[in-house]
Amino acid sequence: MRRLTGKLGMMLVIAVAAGVITPAAVAATTHTVAMDGTRFMPETLTVKRGDRVVWVNKDPFPHTATAVATFDSKSIAAGHSWSYVASESGEFAYVCTLHPGMKGTLIVQ
């Protein structure tokens, strides 16, 4: 990890200390789930709160990533993507509403 020095580093330290930016937001990671062969890969993904998850549709037809009452990508066209920032902890089962056999689980710690 690169250490920030100078004015930018000091501003970041002050923002974290003041609660304007949480340490989780500073260390957020982006994770990718491929929609390929009518499967979510990986099928189960564990992330931290504040991380971003990007679903990328590699199939030649649309898919969704839908967890009831948590997130819904709507239709993701072939070759496109959709992202979600994991804001609450828990285990979230999700499906492609267009292909109900496509199932995945997002675990947010």
PDB file of N, CA and C in Angstrom:
ATOM      1  N   MET A   1       0.844  -1.167   0.000  1.00  0.00           N
ATOM      2  CA  MET A   1       0.000   0.000   0.000  1.00  0.00           C
ATOM      3  C   MET A   1       0.890   1.232   0.000  1.00  0.00           C
ATOM      4  N   ARG A   2       0.544   2.211  -0.793  1.00  0.00           N
ATOM      5  CA  ARG A   2       1.324   3.437  -0.895  1.00  0.00           C
ATOM      6  C   ARG A   2       0.933   4.392   0.217  1.00  0.00           C
ATOM      7  N   ARG A   3       1.912   4.962   0.863  1.00  0.00           N
ATOM      8  CA  ARG A   3       1.657   5.930   1.932  1.00  0.00           C
ATOM      9  C   ARG A   3       1.538   7.316   1.324  1.00  0.00           C
ATOM     10  N   LEU A   4       0.445   8.025   1.671  1.00  0.00           N
ATOM     11  CA  LEU A   4       0.256   9.382   1.177  1.00  0.00           C
ATOM     12  C   LEU A   4       0.970  10.366   2.097  1.00  0.00           C
ATOM     13  N   THR A   5       1.721  11.228   1.502  1.00  0.00           N
ATOM     14  CA  THR A   5       2.449  12.239   2.279  1.00  0.00           C
ATOM     15  C   THR A   5       2.039  13.618   1.784  1.00  0.00           C
ATOM     16  N   GLY A   6       2.513  14.613   2.469  1.00  0.00           N
ATOM     17  CA  GLY A   6       2.240  15.980   2.049  1.00  0.00           C
ATOM     18  C   GLY A   6       0.817  16.409   2.349  1.00  0.00           C
ATOM     19  N   LYS A   7       0.374  17.440   1.632  1.00  0.00           N
ATOM     20  CA  LYS A   7      -0.921  18.054   1.875  1.00  0.00           C
ATOM     21  C   LYS A   7      -2.080  17.066   1.651  1.00  0.00           C
ATOM     22  N   LEU A   8      -2.023  16.256   0.587  1.00  0.00           N
ATOM     23  CA  LEU A   8      -3.088  15.297   0.307  1.00  0.00           C
ATOM     24  C   LEU A   8      -3.202  14.267   1.423  1.00  0.00           C
ATOM     25  N   GLY A   9      -2.081  13.747   1.880  1.00  0.00           N
ATOM     26  CA  GLY A   9      -2.091  12.770   2.969  1.00  0.00           C
ATOM     27  C   GLY A   9      -2.656  13.362   4.244  1.00  0.00           C
ATOM     28  N   MET A  10      -2.289  14.582   4.576  1.00  0.00           N
ATOM     29  CA  MET A  10      -2.783  15.242   5.776  1.00  0.00           C
ATOM     30  C   MET A  10      -4.285  15.487   5.679  1.00  0.00           C
ATOM     31  N   MET A  11      -4.763  15.883   4.495  1.00  0.00           N
ATOM     32  CA  MET A  11      -6.199  16.109   4.305  1.00  0.00           C
ATOM     33  C   MET A  11      -6.972  14.804   4.483  1.00  0.00           C
ATOM     34  N   LEU A  12      -6.421  13.701   4.004  1.00  0.00           N
ATOM     35  CA  LEU A  12      -7.073  12.403   4.146  1.00  0.00           C
ATOM     36  C   LEU A  12      -7.128  11.984   5.615  1.00  0.00           C
ATOM     37  N   VAL A  13      -6.052  12.164   6.348  1.00  0.00           N
ATOM     38  CA  VAL A  13      -6.015  11.835   7.774  1.00  0.00           C
ATOM     39  C   VAL A  13      -7.055  12.656   8.535  1.00  0.00           C
ATOM     40  N   ILE A  14      -7.148  13.950   8.239  1.00  0.00           N
ATOM     41  CA  ILE A  14      -8.119  14.825   8.910  1.00  0.00           C
ATOM     42  C   ILE A  14      -9.542  14.377   8.571  1.00  0.00           C
ATOM     43  N   ALA A  15      -9.812  14.049   7.302  1.00  0.00           N
ATOM     44  CA  ALA A  15     -11.156  13.629   6.889  1.00  0.00           C
ATOM     45  C   ALA A  15     -11.558  12.326   7.580  1.00  0.00           C
ATOM     46  N   VAL A  16     -10.640  11.384   7.706  1.00  0.00           N
ATOM     47  CA  VAL A  16     -10.942  10.121   8.384  1.00  0.00           C
ATOM     48  C   VAL A  16     -11.182  10.379   9.864  1.00  0.00           C
ATOM     49  N   ALA A  17     -10.324  11.184  10.496  1.00  0.00           N
ATOM     50  CA  ALA A  17     -10.452  11.480  11.924  1.00  0.00           C
ATOM     51  C   ALA A  17     -11.763  12.212  12.220  1.00  0.00           C
ATOM     52  N   ALA A  18     -12.199  13.055  11.307  1.00  0.00           N
ATOM     53  CA  ALA A  18     -13.430  13.814  11.509  1.00  0.00           C
ATOM     54  C   ALA A  18     -14.679  12.998  11.175  1.00  0.00           C
ATOM     55  N   GLY A  19     -14.485  11.798  10.630  1.00  0.00           N
ATOM     56  CA  GLY A  19     -15.621  10.962  10.284  1.00  0.00           C
ATOM     57  C   GLY A  19     -16.244  11.297   8.946  1.00  0.00           C
ATOM     58  N   VAL A  20     -15.622  12.210   8.193  1.00  0.00           N
ATOM     59  CA  VAL A  20     -16.131  12.574   6.879  1.00  0.00           C
ATOM     60  C   VAL A  20     -15.933  11.406   5.914  1.00  0.00           C
ATOM     61  N   ILE A  21     -14.795  10.752   6.014  1.00  0.00           N
ATOM     62  CA  ILE A  21     -14.489   9.565   5.223  1.00  0.00           C
ATOM     63  C   ILE A  21     -14.199   8.443   6.201  1.00  0.00           C
ATOM     64  N   THR A  22     -14.842   7.317   6.019  1.00  0.00           N
ATOM     65  CA  THR A  22     -14.586   6.189   6.901  1.00  0.00           C
ATOM     66  C   THR A  22     -13.357   5.433   6.412  1.00  0.00           C
ATOM     67  N   PRO A  23     -12.632   4.771   7.311  1.00  0.00           N
ATOM     68  CA  PRO A  23     -11.490   3.968   6.872  1.00  0.00           C
ATOM     69  C   PRO A  23     -11.901   2.936   5.824  1.00  0.00           C
ATOM     70  N   ALA A  24     -13.115   2.388   5.896  1.00  0.00           N
ATOM     71  CA  ALA A  24     -13.574   1.413   4.915  1.00  0.00           C
ATOM     72  C   ALA A  24     -13.657   2.039   3.523  1.00  0.00           C
ATOM     73  N   ALA A  25     -14.094   3.298   3.451  1.00  0.00           N
ATOM     74  CA  ALA A  25     -14.193   3.969   2.161  1.00  0.00           C
ATOM     75  C   ALA A  25     -12.823   4.192   1.553  1.00  0.00           C
ATOM     76  N   VAL A  26     -11.842   4.460   2.391  1.00  0.00           N
ATOM     77  CA  VAL A  26     -10.488   4.685   1.910  1.00  0.00           C
ATOM     78  C   VAL A  26      -9.919   3.391   1.329  1.00  0.00           C
ATOM     79  N   ALA A  27     -10.226   2.267   1.950  1.00  0.00           N
ATOM     80  CA  ALA A  27      -9.662   0.990   1.543  1.00  0.00           C
ATOM     81  C   ALA A  27     -10.608   0.170   0.667  1.00  0.00           C
ATOM     82  N   ALA A  28     -11.637   0.789   0.094  1.00  0.00           N
ATOM     83  CA  ALA A  28     -12.617   0.056  -0.708  1.00  0.00           C
ATOM     84  C   ALA A  28     -11.946  -0.623  -1.897  1.00  0.00           C
ATOM     85  N   THR A  29     -12.476  -1.792  -2.245  1.00  0.00           N
ATOM     86  CA  THR A  29     -11.956  -2.600  -3.338  1.00  0.00           C
ATOM     87  C   THR A  29     -13.067  -2.840  -4.343  1.00  0.00           C
ATOM     88  N   THR A  30     -12.711  -3.007  -5.601  1.00  0.00           N
ATOM     89  CA  THR A  30     -13.674  -3.362  -6.633  1.00  0.00           C
ATOM     90  C   THR A  30     -13.515  -4.835  -6.971  1.00  0.00           C
ATOM     91  N   HIS A  31     -14.629  -5.561  -6.981  1.00  0.00           N
ATOM     92  CA  HIS A  31     -14.666  -6.989  -7.287  1.00  0.00           C
ATOM     93  C   HIS A  31     -15.497  -7.186  -8.549  1.00  0.00           C
ATOM     94  N   THR A  32     -15.162  -8.186  -9.344  1.00  0.00           N
ATOM     95  CA  THR A  32     -15.890  -8.446 -10.582  1.00  0.00           C
ATOM     96  C   THR A  32     -16.536  -9.818 -10.549  1.00  0.00           C
ATOM     97  N   VAL A  33     -17.795  -9.868 -10.962  1.00  0.00           N
ATOM     98  CA  VAL A  33     -18.523 -11.123 -11.156  1.00  0.00           C
ATOM     99  C   VAL A  33     -18.845 -11.204 -12.639  1.00  0.00           C
ATOM    100  N   ALA A  34     -18.383 -12.264 -13.299  1.00  0.00           N
ATOM    101  CA  ALA A  34     -18.687 -12.464 -14.718  1.00  0.00           C
ATOM    102  C   ALA A  34     -20.000 -13.222 -14.851  1.00  0.00           C
ATOM    103  N   MET A  35     -20.792 -12.790 -15.817  1.00  0.00           N
ATOM    104  CA  MET A  35     -22.004 -13.517 -16.208  1.00  0.00           C
ATOM    105  C   MET A  35     -21.625 -14.178 -17.522  1.00  0.00           C
ATOM    106  N   ASP A  36     -21.361 -15.479 -17.462  1.00  0.00           N
ATOM    107  CA  ASP A  36     -20.811 -16.164 -18.621  1.00  0.00           C
ATOM    108  C   ASP A  36     -21.302 -17.606 -18.628  1.00  0.00           C
ATOM    109  N   GLY A  37     -21.838 -18.063 -19.762  1.00  0.00           N
ATOM    110  CA  GLY A  37     -22.350 -19.421 -19.839  1.00  0.00           C
ATOM    111  C   GLY A  37     -23.557 -19.629 -18.938  1.00  0.00           C
ATOM    112  N   THR A  38     -24.382 -18.587 -18.807  1.00  0.00           N
ATOM    113  CA  THR A  38     -25.527 -18.557 -17.878  1.00  0.00           C
ATOM    114  C   THR A  38     -25.151 -19.006 -16.473  1.00  0.00           C
ATOM    115  N   ARG A  39     -24.016 -18.461 -16.005  1.00  0.00           N
ATOM    116  CA  ARG A  39     -23.546 -18.674 -14.633  1.00  0.00           C
ATOM    117  C   ARG A  39     -22.953 -17.377 -14.109  1.00  0.00           C
ATOM    118  N   PHE A  40     -23.020 -17.198 -12.792  1.00  0.00           N
ATOM    119  CA  PHE A  40     -22.292 -16.119 -12.123  1.00  0.00           C
ATOM    120  C   PHE A  40     -20.946 -16.706 -11.698  1.00  0.00           C
ATOM    121  N   MET A  41     -19.864 -16.028 -12.040  1.00  0.00           N
ATOM    122  CA  MET A  41     -18.542 -16.515 -11.656  1.00  0.00           C
ATOM    123  C   MET A  41     -17.746 -15.385 -11.018  1.00  0.00           C
ATOM    124  N   PRO A  42     -17.404 -15.480  -9.723  1.00  0.00           N
ATOM    125  CA  PRO A  42     -17.669 -16.621  -8.862  1.00  0.00           C
ATOM    126  C   PRO A  42     -19.136 -16.655  -8.428  1.00  0.00           C
ATOM    127  N   GLU A  43     -19.581 -17.842  -8.071  1.00  0.00           N
ATOM    128  CA  GLU A  43     -20.967 -18.008  -7.633  1.00  0.00           C
ATOM    129  C   GLU A  43     -21.180 -17.386  -6.253  1.00  0.00           C
ATOM    130  N   THR A  44     -20.164 -17.468  -5.398  1.00  0.00           N
ATOM    131  CA  THR A  44     -20.204 -16.845  -4.071  1.00  0.00           C
ATOM    132  C   THR A  44     -19.034 -15.885  -3.969  1.00  0.00           C
ATOM    133  N   LEU A  45     -19.321 -14.681  -3.524  1.00  0.00           N
ATOM    134  CA  LEU A  45     -18.288 -13.648  -3.389  1.00  0.00           C
ATOM    135  C   LEU A  45     -18.407 -13.010  -2.008  1.00  0.00           C
ATOM    136  N   THR A  46     -17.276 -12.895  -1.309  1.00  0.00           N
ATOM    137  CA  THR A  46     -17.236 -12.241  -0.003  1.00  0.00           C
ATOM    138  C   THR A  46     -16.493 -10.918  -0.149  1.00  0.00           C
ATOM    139  N   VAL A  47     -17.130  -9.845   0.316  1.00  0.00           N
ATOM    140  CA  VAL A  47     -16.559  -8.499   0.228  1.00  0.00           C
ATOM    141  C   VAL A  47     -16.719  -7.803   1.572  1.00  0.00           C
ATOM    142  N   LYS A  48     -16.117  -6.638   1.683  1.00  0.00           N
ATOM    143  CA  LYS A  48     -16.265  -5.807   2.881  1.00  0.00           C
ATOM    144  C   LYS A  48     -17.264  -4.690   2.580  1.00  0.00           C
ATOM    145  N   ARG A  49     -17.909  -4.176   3.648  1.00  0.00           N
ATOM    146  CA  ARG A  49     -18.794  -3.031   3.472  1.00  0.00           C
ATOM    147  C   ARG A  49     -18.011  -1.900   2.810  1.00  0.00           C
ATOM    148  N   GLY A  50     -18.639  -1.252   1.852  1.00  0.00           N
ATOM    149  CA  GLY A  50     -18.004  -0.164   1.126  1.00  0.00           C
ATOM    150  C   GLY A  50     -17.340  -0.608  -0.168  1.00  0.00           C
ATOM    151  N   ASP A  51     -17.134  -1.918  -0.349  1.00  0.00           N
ATOM    152  CA  ASP A  51     -16.553  -2.417  -1.593  1.00  0.00           C
ATOM    153  C   ASP A  51     -17.567  -2.312  -2.723  1.00  0.00           C
ATOM    154  N   ARG A  52     -17.058  -2.212  -3.939  1.00  0.00           N
ATOM    155  CA  ARG A  52     -17.898  -2.158  -5.139  1.00  0.00           C
ATOM    156  C   ARG A  52     -17.839  -3.519  -5.823  1.00  0.00           C
ATOM    157  N   VAL A  53     -19.018  -3.987  -6.254  1.00  0.00           N
ATOM    158  CA  VAL A  53     -19.101  -5.235  -7.012  1.00  0.00           C
ATOM    159  C   VAL A  53     -19.605  -4.873  -8.404  1.00  0.00           C
ATOM    160  N   VAL A  54     -18.891  -5.348  -9.434  1.00  0.00           N
ATOM    161  CA  VAL A  54     -19.267  -5.083 -10.817  1.00  0.00           C
ATOM    162  C   VAL A  54     -19.631  -6.409 -11.472  1.00  0.00           C
ATOM    163  N   TRP A  55     -20.860  -6.489 -11.988  1.00  0.00           N
ATOM    164  CA  TRP A  55     -21.295  -7.651 -12.755  1.00  0.00           C
ATOM    165  C   TRP A  55     -21.080  -7.325 -14.222  1.00  0.00           C
ATOM    166  N   VAL A  56     -20.338  -8.185 -14.936  1.00  0.00           N
ATOM    167  CA  VAL A  56     -20.019  -7.986 -16.344  1.00  0.00           C
ATOM    168  C   VAL A  56     -20.688  -9.096 -17.152  1.00  0.00           C
ATOM    169  N   ASN A  57     -21.534  -8.705 -18.091  1.00  0.00           N
ATOM    170  CA  ASN A  57     -22.253  -9.682 -18.908  1.00  0.00           C
ATOM    171  C   ASN A  57     -21.418 -10.071 -20.122  1.00  0.00           C
ATOM    172  N   LYS A  58     -20.890 -11.293 -20.098  1.00  0.00           N
ATOM    173  CA  LYS A  58     -20.080 -11.809 -21.202  1.00  0.00           C
ATOM    174  C   LYS A  58     -20.883 -12.724 -22.124  1.00  0.00           C
ATOM    175  N   ASP A  59     -22.163 -12.916 -21.823  1.00  0.00           N
ATOM    176  CA  ASP A  59     -23.026 -13.723 -22.673  1.00  0.00           C
ATOM    177  C   ASP A  59     -23.606 -12.857 -23.794  1.00  0.00           C
ATOM    178  N   PRO A  60     -24.119 -13.480 -24.858  1.00  0.00           N
ATOM    179  CA  PRO A  60     -24.675 -12.713 -25.987  1.00  0.00           C
ATOM    180  C   PRO A  60     -26.137 -12.303 -25.795  1.00  0.00           C
ATOM    181  N   PHE A  61     -26.631 -12.400 -24.558  1.00  0.00           N
ATOM    182  CA  PHE A  61     -28.021 -12.034 -24.257  1.00  0.00           C
ATOM    183  C   PHE A  61     -28.053 -11.388 -22.874  1.00  0.00           C
ATOM    184  N   PRO A  62     -29.130 -10.663 -22.523  1.00  0.00           N
ATOM    185  CA  PRO A  62     -29.175  -9.927 -21.253  1.00  0.00           C
ATOM    186  C   PRO A  62     -29.311 -10.827 -20.027  1.00  0.00           C
ATOM    187  N   HIS A  63     -28.887 -10.276 -18.886  1.00  0.00           N
ATOM    188  CA  HIS A  63     -29.016 -10.906 -17.573  1.00  0.00           C
ATOM    189  C   HIS A  63     -29.376  -9.827 -16.556  1.00  0.00           C
ATOM    190  N   THR A  64     -29.752 -10.262 -15.354  1.00  0.00           N
ATOM    191  CA  THR A  64     -29.900  -9.355 -14.213  1.00  0.00           C
ATOM    192  C   THR A  64     -29.125  -9.923 -13.032  1.00  0.00           C
ATOM    193  N   ALA A  65     -28.865  -9.097 -12.062  1.00  0.00           N
ATOM    194  CA  ALA A  65     -28.350  -9.514 -10.753  1.00  0.00           C
ATOM    195  C   ALA A  65     -29.339  -8.915  -9.755  1.00  0.00           C
ATOM    196  N   THR A  66     -30.193  -9.775  -9.187  1.00  0.00           N
ATOM    197  CA  THR A  66     -31.311  -9.290  -8.385  1.00  0.00           C
ATOM    198  C   THR A  66     -31.386 -10.007  -7.047  1.00  0.00           C
ATOM    199  N   ALA A  67     -31.225  -9.238  -5.970  1.00  0.00           N
ATOM    200  CA  ALA A  67     -31.409  -9.730  -4.601  1.00  0.00           C
ATOM    201  C   ALA A  67     -32.606  -8.972  -4.042  1.00  0.00           C
ATOM    202  N   VAL A  68     -33.683  -9.687  -3.778  1.00  0.00           N
ATOM    203  CA  VAL A  68     -34.934  -9.063  -3.348  1.00  0.00           C
ATOM    204  C   VAL A  68     -34.683  -8.093  -2.193  1.00  0.00           C
ATOM    205  N   ALA A  69     -35.175  -6.883  -2.335  1.00  0.00           N
ATOM    206  CA  ALA A  69     -35.106  -5.825  -1.322  1.00  0.00           C
ATOM    207  C   ALA A  69     -33.691  -5.337  -1.017  1.00  0.00           C
ATOM    208  N   THR A  70     -32.685  -5.755  -1.811  1.00  0.00           N
ATOM    209  CA  THR A  70     -31.319  -5.296  -1.561  1.00  0.00           C
ATOM    210  C   THR A  70     -30.737  -4.599  -2.779  1.00  0.00           C
ATOM    211  N   PHE A  71     -30.706  -5.291  -3.926  1.00  0.00           N
ATOM    212  CA  PHE A  71     -30.223  -4.657  -5.150  1.00  0.00           C
ATOM    213  C   PHE A  71     -30.894  -5.308  -6.359  1.00  0.00           C
ATOM    214  N   ASP A  72     -31.001  -4.529  -7.437  1.00  0.00           N
ATOM    215  CA  ASP A  72     -31.573  -5.021  -8.686  1.00  0.00           C
ATOM    216  C   ASP A  72     -30.941  -4.252  -9.840  1.00  0.00           C
ATOM    217  N   SER A  73     -30.185  -4.972 -10.630  1.00  0.00           N
ATOM    218  CA  SER A  73     -29.484  -4.343 -11.744  1.00  0.00           C
ATOM    219  C   SER A  73     -30.405  -3.972 -12.897  1.00  0.00           C
ATOM    220  N   LYS A  74     -31.597  -4.538 -12.917  1.00  0.00           N
ATOM    221  CA  LYS A  74     -32.465  -4.503 -14.105  1.00  0.00           C
ATOM    222  C   LYS A  74     -31.725  -5.259 -15.207  1.00  0.00           C
ATOM    223  N   SER A  75     -32.107  -5.087 -16.441  1.00  0.00           N
ATOM    224  CA  SER A  75     -31.497  -5.840 -17.544  1.00  0.00           C
ATOM    225  C   SER A  75     -30.109  -5.277 -17.888  1.00  0.00           C
ATOM    226  N   ILE A  76     -29.121  -6.162 -17.873  1.00  0.00           N
ATOM    227  CA  ILE A  76     -27.756  -5.798 -18.272  1.00  0.00           C
ATOM    228  C   ILE A  76     -27.542  -6.396 -19.658  1.00  0.00           C
ATOM    229  N   ALA A  77     -27.410  -5.553 -20.658  1.00  0.00           N
ATOM    230  CA  ALA A  77     -27.252  -6.015 -22.039  1.00  0.00           C
ATOM    231  C   ALA A  77     -25.927  -6.745 -22.229  1.00  0.00           C
ATOM    232  N   ALA A  78     -25.869  -7.569 -23.266  1.00  0.00           N
ATOM    233  CA  ALA A  78     -24.634  -8.282 -23.624  1.00  0.00           C
ATOM    234  C   ALA A  78     -23.502  -7.267 -23.785  1.00  0.00           C
ATOM    235  N   GLY A  79     -22.356  -7.583 -23.177  1.00  0.00           N
ATOM    236  CA  GLY A  79     -21.192  -6.708 -23.284  1.00  0.00           C
ATOM    237  C   GLY A  79     -21.206  -5.512 -22.353  1.00  0.00           C
ATOM    238  N   HIS A  80     -22.212  -5.384 -21.500  1.00  0.00           N
ATOM    239  CA  HIS A  80     -22.308  -4.261 -20.572  1.00  0.00           C
ATOM    240  C   HIS A  80     -22.114  -4.737 -19.136  1.00  0.00           C
ATOM    241  N   SER A  81     -22.098  -3.773 -18.211  1.00  0.00           N
ATOM    242  CA  SER A  81     -21.892  -4.103 -16.800  1.00  0.00           C
ATOM    243  C   SER A  81     -22.777  -3.224 -15.925  1.00  0.00           C
ATOM    244  N   TRP A  82     -22.827  -3.590 -14.655  1.00  0.00           N
ATOM    245  CA  TRP A  82     -23.581  -2.844 -13.644  1.00  0.00           C
ATOM    246  C   TRP A  82     -22.829  -2.994 -12.327  1.00  0.00           C
ATOM    247  N   SER A  83     -22.821  -1.944 -11.517  1.00  0.00           N
ATOM    248  CA  SER A  83     -22.099  -2.025 -10.242  1.00  0.00           C
ATOM    249  C   SER A  83     -22.983  -1.669  -9.064  1.00  0.00           C
ATOM    250  N   TYR A  84     -22.566  -2.166  -7.911  1.00  0.00           N
ATOM    251  CA  TYR A  84     -23.287  -1.981  -6.651  1.00  0.00           C
ATOM    252  C   TYR A  84     -22.259  -1.796  -5.548  1.00  0.00           C
ATOM    253  N   VAL A  85     -22.467  -0.817  -4.680  1.00  0.00           N
ATOM    254  CA  VAL A  85     -21.608  -0.616  -3.521  1.00  0.00           C
ATOM    255  C   VAL A  85     -22.271  -1.301  -2.331  1.00  0.00           C
ATOM    256  N   ALA A  86     -21.564  -2.252  -1.741  1.00  0.00           N
ATOM    257  CA  ALA A  86     -22.092  -3.045  -0.627  1.00  0.00           C
ATOM    258  C   ALA A  86     -22.145  -2.176   0.625  1.00  0.00           C
ATOM    259  N   SER A  87     -23.345  -1.760   1.012  1.00  0.00           N
ATOM    260  CA  SER A  87     -23.473  -0.820   2.122  1.00  0.00           C
ATOM    261  C   SER A  87     -23.916  -1.456   3.429  1.00  0.00           C
ATOM    262  N   GLU A  88     -24.495  -2.660   3.377  1.00  0.00           N
ATOM    263  CA  GLU A  88     -24.918  -3.298   4.622  1.00  0.00           C
ATOM    264  C   GLU A  88     -24.375  -4.720   4.698  1.00  0.00           C
ATOM    265  N   SER A  89     -24.050  -5.130   5.912  1.00  0.00           N
ATOM    266  CA  SER A  89     -23.517  -6.472   6.131  1.00  0.00           C
ATOM    267  C   SER A  89     -24.615  -7.510   6.013  1.00  0.00           C
ATOM    268  N   GLY A  90     -24.215  -8.703   5.608  1.00  0.00           N
ATOM    269  CA  GLY A  90     -25.162  -9.810   5.533  1.00  0.00           C
ATOM    270  C   GLY A  90     -24.829 -10.739   4.395  1.00  0.00           C
ATOM    271  N   GLU A  91     -25.677 -11.736   4.247  1.00  0.00           N
ATOM    272  CA  GLU A  91     -25.542 -12.702   3.155  1.00  0.00           C
ATOM    273  C   GLU A  91     -26.746 -12.525   2.249  1.00  0.00           C
ATOM    274  N   PHE A  92     -26.498 -12.234   0.975  1.00  0.00           N
ATOM    275  CA  PHE A  92     -27.555 -11.890   0.046  1.00  0.00           C
ATOM    276  C   PHE A  92     -27.563 -12.857  -1.136  1.00  0.00           C
ATOM    277  N   ALA A  93     -28.586 -13.692  -1.192  1.00  0.00           N
ATOM    278  CA  ALA A  93     -28.774 -14.580  -2.336  1.00  0.00           C
ATOM    279  C   ALA A  93     -29.340 -13.736  -3.472  1.00  0.00           C
ATOM    280  N   TYR A  94     -28.834 -13.962  -4.683  1.00  0.00           N
ATOM    281  CA  TYR A  94     -29.366 -13.229  -5.832  1.00  0.00           C
ATOM    282  C   TYR A  94     -29.504 -14.164  -7.027  1.00  0.00           C
ATOM    283  N   VAL A  95     -30.324 -13.746  -7.990  1.00  0.00           N
ATOM    284  CA  VAL A  95     -30.586 -14.535  -9.189  1.00  0.00           C
ATOM    285  C   VAL A  95     -30.611 -13.620 -10.408  1.00  0.00           C
ATOM    286  N   CYS A  96     -30.568 -14.258 -11.555  1.00  0.00           N
ATOM    287  CA  CYS A  96     -30.903 -13.564 -12.800  1.00  0.00           C
ATOM    288  C   CYS A  96     -32.383 -13.808 -12.999  1.00  0.00           C
ATOM    289  N   THR A  97     -33.183 -12.768 -12.997  1.00  0.00           N
ATOM    290  CA  THR A  97     -34.629 -12.948 -13.126  1.00  0.00           C
ATOM    291  C   THR A  97     -35.017 -13.453 -14.518  1.00  0.00           C
ATOM    292  N   LEU A  98     -34.136 -13.298 -15.489  1.00  0.00           N
ATOM    293  CA  LEU A  98     -34.403 -13.781 -16.846  1.00  0.00           C
ATOM    294  C   LEU A  98     -34.025 -15.253 -17.004  1.00  0.00           C
ATOM    295  N   HIS A  99     -33.128 -15.730 -16.133  1.00  0.00           N
ATOM    296  CA  HIS A  99     -32.646 -17.120 -16.162  1.00  0.00           C
ATOM    297  C   HIS A  99     -32.581 -17.601 -14.711  1.00  0.00           C
ATOM    298  N   PRO A 100     -33.711 -18.001 -14.113  1.00  0.00           N
ATOM    299  CA  PRO A 100     -33.785 -18.311 -12.677  1.00  0.00           C
ATOM    300  C   PRO A 100     -32.821 -19.392 -12.188  1.00  0.00           C
ATOM    301  N   GLY A 101     -32.243 -20.174 -13.106  1.00  0.00           N
ATOM    302  CA  GLY A 101     -31.243 -21.161 -12.709  1.00  0.00           C
ATOM    303  C   GLY A 101     -29.895 -20.534 -12.385  1.00  0.00           C
ATOM    304  N   MET A 102     -29.702 -19.273 -12.758  1.00  0.00           N
ATOM    305  CA  MET A 102     -28.461 -18.542 -12.441  1.00  0.00           C
ATOM    306  C   MET A 102     -28.606 -17.989 -11.028  1.00  0.00           C
ATOM    307  N   LYS A 103     -27.810 -18.519 -10.117  1.00  0.00           N
ATOM    308  CA  LYS A 103     -27.901 -18.091  -8.719  1.00  0.00           C
ATOM    309  C   LYS A 103     -26.522 -17.733  -8.205  1.00  0.00           C
ATOM    310  N   GLY A 104     -26.489 -16.753  -7.314  1.00  0.00           N
ATOM    311  CA  GLY A 104     -25.239 -16.336  -6.692  1.00  0.00           C
ATOM    312  C   GLY A 104     -25.497 -15.892  -5.269  1.00  0.00           C
ATOM    313  N   THR A 105     -24.412 -15.707  -4.533  1.00  0.00           N
ATOM    314  CA  THR A 105     -24.495 -15.219  -3.151  1.00  0.00           C
ATOM    315  C   THR A 105     -23.432 -14.154  -2.950  1.00  0.00           C
ATOM    316  N   LEU A 106     -23.854 -13.021  -2.420  1.00  0.00           N
ATOM    317  CA  LEU A 106     -22.943 -11.949  -2.031  1.00  0.00           C
ATOM    318  C   LEU A 106     -22.906 -11.891  -0.519  1.00  0.00           C
ATOM    319  N   ILE A 107     -21.708 -12.084   0.046  1.00  0.00           N
ATOM    320  CA  ILE A 107     -21.526 -12.014   1.492  1.00  0.00           C
ATOM    321  C   ILE A 107     -20.785 -10.726   1.788  1.00  0.00           C
ATOM    322  N   VAL A 108     -21.400  -9.860   2.599  1.00  0.00           N
ATOM    323  CA  VAL A 108     -20.806  -8.570   2.936  1.00  0.00           C
ATOM    324  C   VAL A 108     -20.454  -8.579   4.407  1.00  0.00           C
ATOM    325  N   GLN A 109     -19.158  -8.403   4.702  1.00  0.00           N
ATOM    326  CA  GLN A 109     -18.675  -8.429   6.107  1.00  0.00           C
ATOM    327  C   GLN A 109     -18.539  -7.029   6.646  1.00  0.00           C
TER     328      GLN A 109
END
